[in-house]
Amino acid sequence: MIVLPWIDRRLSPNARTHWAVKAKAAKACRDVAFFTTKKSAIGIDWEGDAHLWIDFYPPDKRSRDDDNLLAAFKAYRDGIADALGVDDKRFRSHPFVRDEVRKGGQIIVKITPGPEHG
């Protein structure tokens, strides 16, 4: 299990962020995901798809679309792939926007070889 902080709002597809500012935010998120994944000591020791079960726990009760969250999550996804030494084209994402609000927001990622969530 990988526990990540909430996504930087500058990475949202709806944000009107200058490309250089967005690139800096993406690099920071990618690094966080890389080091958090390395610290978790998980690995992918199978061939084929890797299913990413992504639970988004928002920082407030505002409504959010899973497609926008998944797009904003891209830098995290890239950092996870870097840490695991795999091409992220193997990933099959399953985003879930949870009703539970967590202070500051939180993202929990579980990686499995099949579509079983758990």
N, C-alpha and C. Protein backbone atom coordinates (compact mmCIF):
# COMPACT_ATOMS: atom_id res chain seq x y z
N MET A 1 0.84 -1.17 0.00
CA MET A 1 0.00 0.00 0.00
C MET A 1 0.89 1.24 0.00
N ILE A 2 0.52 2.20 -0.83
CA ILE A 2 1.25 3.45 -0.95
C ILE A 2 0.32 4.57 -0.50
N VAL A 3 0.74 5.37 0.46
CA VAL A 3 -0.06 6.48 0.96
C VAL A 3 0.57 7.78 0.51
N LEU A 4 -0.19 8.55 -0.25
CA LEU A 4 0.30 9.80 -0.83
C LEU A 4 -0.52 10.98 -0.36
N PRO A 5 0.10 12.17 -0.33
CA PRO A 5 -0.68 13.37 0.00
C PRO A 5 -1.61 13.74 -1.15
N TRP A 6 -2.55 14.61 -0.86
CA TRP A 6 -3.50 15.08 -1.87
C TRP A 6 -2.74 15.72 -3.03
N ILE A 7 -3.31 15.66 -4.20
CA ILE A 7 -2.69 16.16 -5.42
C ILE A 7 -2.61 17.68 -5.40
N ASP A 8 -1.50 18.19 -5.86
CA ASP A 8 -1.32 19.63 -6.00
C ASP A 8 -2.37 20.17 -6.96
N ARG A 9 -3.11 21.17 -6.54
CA ARG A 9 -4.21 21.69 -7.36
C ARG A 9 -3.74 22.26 -8.70
N ARG A 10 -2.47 22.61 -8.79
CA ARG A 10 -1.94 23.13 -10.06
C ARG A 10 -1.87 22.06 -11.13
N LEU A 11 -2.01 20.78 -10.75
CA LEU A 11 -1.97 19.68 -11.72
C LEU A 11 -3.36 19.31 -12.25
N SER A 12 -4.38 19.95 -11.75
CA SER A 12 -5.73 19.68 -12.23
C SER A 12 -5.88 20.10 -13.68
N PRO A 13 -6.56 19.30 -14.50
CA PRO A 13 -6.80 19.69 -15.89
C PRO A 13 -7.62 20.97 -15.99
N ASN A 14 -8.34 21.32 -14.93
CA ASN A 14 -9.15 22.54 -14.94
C ASN A 14 -8.36 23.77 -14.50
N ALA A 15 -7.16 23.59 -13.99
CA ALA A 15 -6.34 24.71 -13.55
C ALA A 15 -5.76 25.43 -14.77
N ARG A 16 -5.66 26.71 -14.67
CA ARG A 16 -5.06 27.51 -15.75
C ARG A 16 -3.66 27.92 -15.30
N THR A 17 -2.80 26.92 -15.24
CA THR A 17 -1.46 27.09 -14.70
C THR A 17 -0.44 27.25 -15.81
N HIS A 18 0.50 28.17 -15.62
CA HIS A 18 1.60 28.34 -16.57
C HIS A 18 2.36 27.02 -16.66
N TRP A 19 2.83 26.68 -17.85
CA TRP A 19 3.47 25.38 -18.06
C TRP A 19 4.68 25.16 -17.16
N ALA A 20 5.44 26.22 -16.89
CA ALA A 20 6.64 26.05 -16.05
C ALA A 20 6.26 25.77 -14.60
N VAL A 21 5.22 26.43 -14.12
CA VAL A 21 4.73 26.20 -12.76
C VAL A 21 4.17 24.78 -12.64
N LYS A 22 3.42 24.38 -13.66
CA LYS A 22 2.85 23.03 -13.66
C LYS A 22 3.94 21.97 -13.71
N ALA A 23 4.98 22.20 -14.51
CA ALA A 23 6.09 21.25 -14.61
C ALA A 23 6.81 21.09 -13.27
N LYS A 24 6.99 22.19 -12.56
CA LYS A 24 7.65 22.13 -11.25
C LYS A 24 6.80 21.34 -10.25
N ALA A 25 5.48 21.58 -10.27
CA ALA A 25 4.57 20.85 -9.38
C ALA A 25 4.55 19.36 -9.73
N ALA A 26 4.56 19.04 -11.03
CA ALA A 26 4.56 17.64 -11.47
C ALA A 26 5.84 16.93 -11.03
N LYS A 27 6.96 17.60 -11.15
CA LYS A 27 8.25 17.03 -10.74
C LYS A 27 8.24 16.73 -9.24
N ALA A 28 7.71 17.66 -8.46
CA ALA A 28 7.65 17.46 -7.00
C ALA A 28 6.76 16.26 -6.65
N CYS A 29 5.61 16.15 -7.30
CA CYS A 29 4.70 15.02 -7.04
C CYS A 29 5.31 13.70 -7.49
N ARG A 30 5.99 13.73 -8.62
CA ARG A 30 6.64 12.51 -9.12
C ARG A 30 7.70 12.03 -8.14
N ASP A 31 8.47 12.97 -7.60
CA ASP A 31 9.49 12.63 -6.62
C ASP A 31 8.88 12.05 -5.34
N VAL A 32 7.80 12.66 -4.87
CA VAL A 32 7.12 12.17 -3.67
C VAL A 32 6.65 10.73 -3.88
N ALA A 33 6.04 10.48 -5.04
CA ALA A 33 5.55 9.12 -5.34
C ALA A 33 6.71 8.14 -5.45
N PHE A 34 7.80 8.55 -6.06
CA PHE A 34 8.97 7.69 -6.21
C PHE A 34 9.49 7.26 -4.84
N PHE A 35 9.78 8.23 -3.98
CA PHE A 35 10.37 7.91 -2.69
C PHE A 35 9.38 7.19 -1.75
N THR A 36 8.11 7.54 -1.83
CA THR A 36 7.11 6.85 -1.01
C THR A 36 6.97 5.39 -1.44
N THR A 37 6.99 5.16 -2.74
CA THR A 37 6.89 3.79 -3.25
C THR A 37 8.13 2.99 -2.86
N LYS A 38 9.31 3.58 -3.01
CA LYS A 38 10.55 2.89 -2.60
C LYS A 38 10.50 2.53 -1.12
N LYS A 39 10.03 3.47 -0.30
CA LYS A 39 9.96 3.26 1.15
C LYS A 39 8.97 2.14 1.50
N SER A 40 7.92 1.99 0.69
CA SER A 40 6.92 0.97 0.98
C SER A 40 7.41 -0.44 0.68
N ALA A 41 8.51 -0.55 -0.04
CA ALA A 41 9.16 -1.83 -0.35
C ALA A 41 8.24 -2.80 -1.09
N ILE A 42 7.32 -2.29 -1.89
CA ILE A 42 6.50 -3.17 -2.71
C ILE A 42 7.16 -3.36 -4.06
N GLY A 43 6.74 -4.36 -4.77
CA GLY A 43 7.28 -4.61 -6.10
C GLY A 43 6.27 -5.34 -6.96
N ILE A 44 6.54 -5.36 -8.23
CA ILE A 44 5.70 -6.11 -9.16
C ILE A 44 6.55 -7.27 -9.66
N ASP A 45 6.20 -8.47 -9.21
CA ASP A 45 6.98 -9.65 -9.57
C ASP A 45 6.19 -10.58 -10.47
N TRP A 46 5.37 -9.99 -11.34
CA TRP A 46 4.57 -10.78 -12.27
C TRP A 46 4.58 -10.09 -13.63
N GLU A 47 4.27 -10.86 -14.64
CA GLU A 47 4.15 -10.33 -16.00
C GLU A 47 2.73 -9.82 -16.22
N GLY A 48 2.56 -8.98 -17.19
CA GLY A 48 1.22 -8.52 -17.53
C GLY A 48 0.81 -7.28 -16.78
N ASP A 49 -0.49 -7.06 -16.76
CA ASP A 49 -1.04 -5.85 -16.17
C ASP A 49 -0.84 -5.77 -14.66
N ALA A 50 -0.74 -4.54 -14.20
CA ALA A 50 -0.73 -4.25 -12.78
C ALA A 50 -1.90 -3.31 -12.54
N HIS A 51 -2.79 -3.71 -11.66
CA HIS A 51 -3.98 -2.91 -11.39
C HIS A 51 -3.72 -1.96 -10.22
N LEU A 52 -3.93 -0.68 -10.47
CA LEU A 52 -3.78 0.34 -9.44
C LEU A 52 -5.17 0.69 -8.90
N TRP A 53 -5.41 0.33 -7.65
CA TRP A 53 -6.66 0.66 -6.97
C TRP A 53 -6.38 1.95 -6.22
N ILE A 54 -6.96 3.04 -6.71
CA ILE A 54 -6.63 4.37 -6.19
C ILE A 54 -7.84 4.92 -5.43
N ASP A 55 -7.68 5.06 -4.12
CA ASP A 55 -8.72 5.63 -3.27
C ASP A 55 -8.38 7.08 -2.98
N PHE A 56 -9.22 7.99 -3.47
CA PHE A 56 -9.05 9.42 -3.25
C PHE A 56 -9.90 9.84 -2.07
N TYR A 57 -9.26 10.32 -1.00
CA TYR A 57 -9.95 10.84 0.16
C TYR A 57 -9.76 12.36 0.14
N PRO A 58 -10.78 13.10 -0.29
CA PRO A 58 -10.62 14.54 -0.49
C PRO A 58 -10.43 15.32 0.81
N PRO A 59 -9.87 16.53 0.70
CA PRO A 59 -9.65 17.36 1.89
C PRO A 59 -10.91 18.11 2.33
N ASP A 60 -11.96 18.09 1.51
CA ASP A 60 -13.20 18.78 1.85
C ASP A 60 -14.37 18.09 1.12
N LYS A 61 -15.55 18.61 1.31
CA LYS A 61 -16.75 17.95 0.77
C LYS A 61 -17.10 18.39 -0.65
N ARG A 62 -16.27 19.18 -1.30
CA ARG A 62 -16.57 19.59 -2.67
C ARG A 62 -16.62 18.38 -3.58
N SER A 63 -17.50 18.45 -4.56
CA SER A 63 -17.65 17.36 -5.52
C SER A 63 -16.46 17.32 -6.47
N ARG A 64 -15.98 16.11 -6.76
CA ARG A 64 -14.84 15.94 -7.66
C ARG A 64 -15.12 14.82 -8.63
N ASP A 65 -14.63 14.98 -9.86
CA ASP A 65 -14.78 13.96 -10.89
C ASP A 65 -13.59 13.02 -10.87
N ASP A 66 -13.87 11.72 -10.98
CA ASP A 66 -12.76 10.76 -10.96
C ASP A 66 -11.85 10.92 -12.18
N ASP A 67 -12.40 11.37 -13.32
CA ASP A 67 -11.55 11.53 -14.51
C ASP A 67 -10.56 12.68 -14.33
N ASN A 68 -10.98 13.76 -13.70
CA ASN A 68 -10.05 14.87 -13.45
C ASN A 68 -9.00 14.49 -12.40
N LEU A 69 -9.44 13.77 -11.38
CA LEU A 69 -8.49 13.33 -10.36
C LEU A 69 -7.45 12.38 -10.96
N LEU A 70 -7.90 11.50 -11.83
CA LEU A 70 -6.97 10.56 -12.46
C LEU A 70 -5.98 11.29 -13.36
N ALA A 71 -6.43 12.31 -14.07
CA ALA A 71 -5.54 13.09 -14.92
C ALA A 71 -4.51 13.84 -14.06
N ALA A 72 -4.96 14.40 -12.95
CA ALA A 72 -4.05 15.12 -12.05
C ALA A 72 -3.08 14.16 -11.36
N PHE A 73 -3.47 12.90 -11.23
CA PHE A 73 -2.68 11.86 -10.58
C PHE A 73 -1.49 11.39 -11.43
N LYS A 74 -1.43 11.80 -12.69
CA LYS A 74 -0.43 11.29 -13.64
C LYS A 74 1.01 11.39 -13.12
N ALA A 75 1.38 12.47 -12.50
CA ALA A 75 2.74 12.61 -11.98
C ALA A 75 3.02 11.57 -10.90
N TYR A 76 2.02 11.32 -10.05
CA TYR A 76 2.17 10.26 -9.05
C TYR A 76 2.33 8.90 -9.72
N ARG A 77 1.53 8.64 -10.71
CA ARG A 77 1.58 7.37 -11.44
C ARG A 77 2.97 7.16 -12.07
N ASP A 78 3.50 8.21 -12.65
CA ASP A 78 4.84 8.14 -13.25
C ASP A 78 5.91 7.87 -12.19
N GLY A 79 5.78 8.50 -11.03
CA GLY A 79 6.74 8.27 -9.95
C GLY A 79 6.68 6.85 -9.42
N ILE A 80 5.47 6.29 -9.33
CA ILE A 80 5.30 4.91 -8.89
C ILE A 80 5.96 3.96 -9.90
N ALA A 81 5.72 4.20 -11.19
CA ALA A 81 6.33 3.36 -12.24
C ALA A 81 7.85 3.46 -12.19
N ASP A 82 8.38 4.66 -12.00
CA ASP A 82 9.84 4.83 -11.89
C ASP A 82 10.40 4.01 -10.74
N ALA A 83 9.74 4.08 -9.60
CA ALA A 83 10.22 3.36 -8.41
C ALA A 83 10.17 1.85 -8.58
N LEU A 84 9.16 1.37 -9.30
CA LEU A 84 9.01 -0.06 -9.51
C LEU A 84 9.84 -0.56 -10.70
N GLY A 85 10.37 0.36 -11.49
CA GLY A 85 11.17 -0.02 -12.65
C GLY A 85 10.35 -0.64 -13.76
N VAL A 86 9.11 -0.17 -13.92
CA VAL A 86 8.22 -0.70 -14.96
C VAL A 86 7.71 0.44 -15.83
N ASP A 87 7.23 0.08 -17.01
CA ASP A 87 6.59 1.04 -17.89
C ASP A 87 5.15 1.21 -17.41
N ASP A 88 4.70 2.45 -17.27
CA ASP A 88 3.36 2.66 -16.73
C ASP A 88 2.25 2.25 -17.69
N LYS A 89 2.60 1.81 -18.89
CA LYS A 89 1.56 1.29 -19.79
C LYS A 89 1.00 -0.04 -19.27
N ARG A 90 1.70 -0.66 -18.32
CA ARG A 90 1.20 -1.90 -17.69
C ARG A 90 0.10 -1.62 -16.69
N PHE A 91 -0.01 -0.37 -16.24
CA PHE A 91 -0.97 -0.03 -15.20
C PHE A 91 -2.39 0.06 -15.74
N ARG A 92 -3.31 -0.48 -14.99
CA ARG A 92 -4.74 -0.34 -15.24
C ARG A 92 -5.30 0.34 -14.00
N SER A 93 -5.77 1.55 -14.17
CA SER A 93 -6.21 2.36 -13.03
C SER A 93 -7.68 2.17 -12.71
N HIS A 94 -7.95 2.10 -11.41
CA HIS A 94 -9.31 1.96 -10.90
C HIS A 94 -9.50 3.05 -9.83
N PRO A 95 -9.95 4.24 -10.26
CA PRO A 95 -10.10 5.33 -9.29
C PRO A 95 -11.42 5.27 -8.52
N PHE A 96 -11.35 5.57 -7.24
CA PHE A 96 -12.53 5.63 -6.39
C PHE A 96 -12.46 6.92 -5.58
N VAL A 97 -13.45 7.78 -5.74
CA VAL A 97 -13.53 9.00 -4.95
C VAL A 97 -14.37 8.69 -3.73
N ARG A 98 -13.76 8.70 -2.59
CA ARG A 98 -14.44 8.31 -1.35
C ARG A 98 -15.19 9.49 -0.75
N ASP A 99 -16.25 9.20 -0.01
CA ASP A 99 -17.04 10.23 0.66
C ASP A 99 -16.35 10.73 1.92
N GLU A 100 -15.47 9.92 2.46
CA GLU A 100 -14.79 10.29 3.70
C GLU A 100 -13.80 11.42 3.45
N VAL A 101 -13.95 12.49 4.22
CA VAL A 101 -13.03 13.62 4.14
C VAL A 101 -11.88 13.37 5.12
N ARG A 102 -10.67 13.58 4.64
CA ARG A 102 -9.49 13.45 5.51
C ARG A 102 -8.74 14.78 5.49
N LYS A 103 -8.31 15.22 6.64
CA LYS A 103 -7.64 16.51 6.77
C LYS A 103 -6.45 16.58 5.81
N GLY A 104 -6.46 17.57 4.95
CA GLY A 104 -5.40 17.75 3.97
C GLY A 104 -5.57 16.87 2.74
N GLY A 105 -6.46 15.89 2.81
CA GLY A 105 -6.66 14.95 1.70
C GLY A 105 -5.61 13.85 1.72
N GLN A 106 -5.95 12.73 1.11
CA GLN A 106 -5.02 11.60 1.09
C GLN A 106 -5.38 10.68 -0.07
N ILE A 107 -4.37 10.03 -0.61
CA ILE A 107 -4.57 9.07 -1.69
C ILE A 107 -3.91 7.76 -1.27
N ILE A 108 -4.65 6.67 -1.36
CA ILE A 108 -4.11 5.36 -1.02
C ILE A 108 -4.13 4.50 -2.29
N VAL A 109 -2.98 3.94 -2.62
CA VAL A 109 -2.84 3.13 -3.83
C VAL A 109 -2.46 1.71 -3.43
N LYS A 110 -3.21 0.75 -3.97
CA LYS A 110 -2.88 -0.67 -3.81
C LYS A 110 -2.64 -1.22 -5.20
N ILE A 111 -1.64 -2.07 -5.33
CA ILE A 111 -1.28 -2.64 -6.63
C ILE A 111 -1.47 -4.15 -6.57
N THR A 112 -2.25 -4.66 -7.53
CA THR A 112 -2.50 -6.10 -7.59
C THR A 112 -2.31 -6.60 -9.01
N PRO A 113 -2.09 -7.91 -9.17
CA PRO A 113 -1.96 -8.46 -10.52
C PRO A 113 -3.30 -8.68 -11.20
N GLY A 114 -4.39 -8.59 -10.47
CA GLY A 114 -5.70 -8.83 -11.07
C GLY A 114 -6.71 -7.80 -10.57
N PRO A 115 -7.92 -7.90 -11.06
CA PRO A 115 -8.91 -6.89 -10.71
C PRO A 115 -9.55 -7.04 -9.34
N GLU A 116 -9.05 -7.90 -8.49
CA GLU A 116 -9.61 -8.05 -7.16
C GLU A 116 -9.17 -6.88 -6.30
N HIS A 117 -10.11 -6.16 -5.75
CA HIS A 117 -9.79 -5.01 -4.90
C HIS A 117 -9.68 -5.49 -3.47
N GLY A 118 -8.52 -5.28 -2.92
CA GLY A 118 -8.34 -5.73 -1.55
C GLY A 118 -6.96 -6.07 -1.27
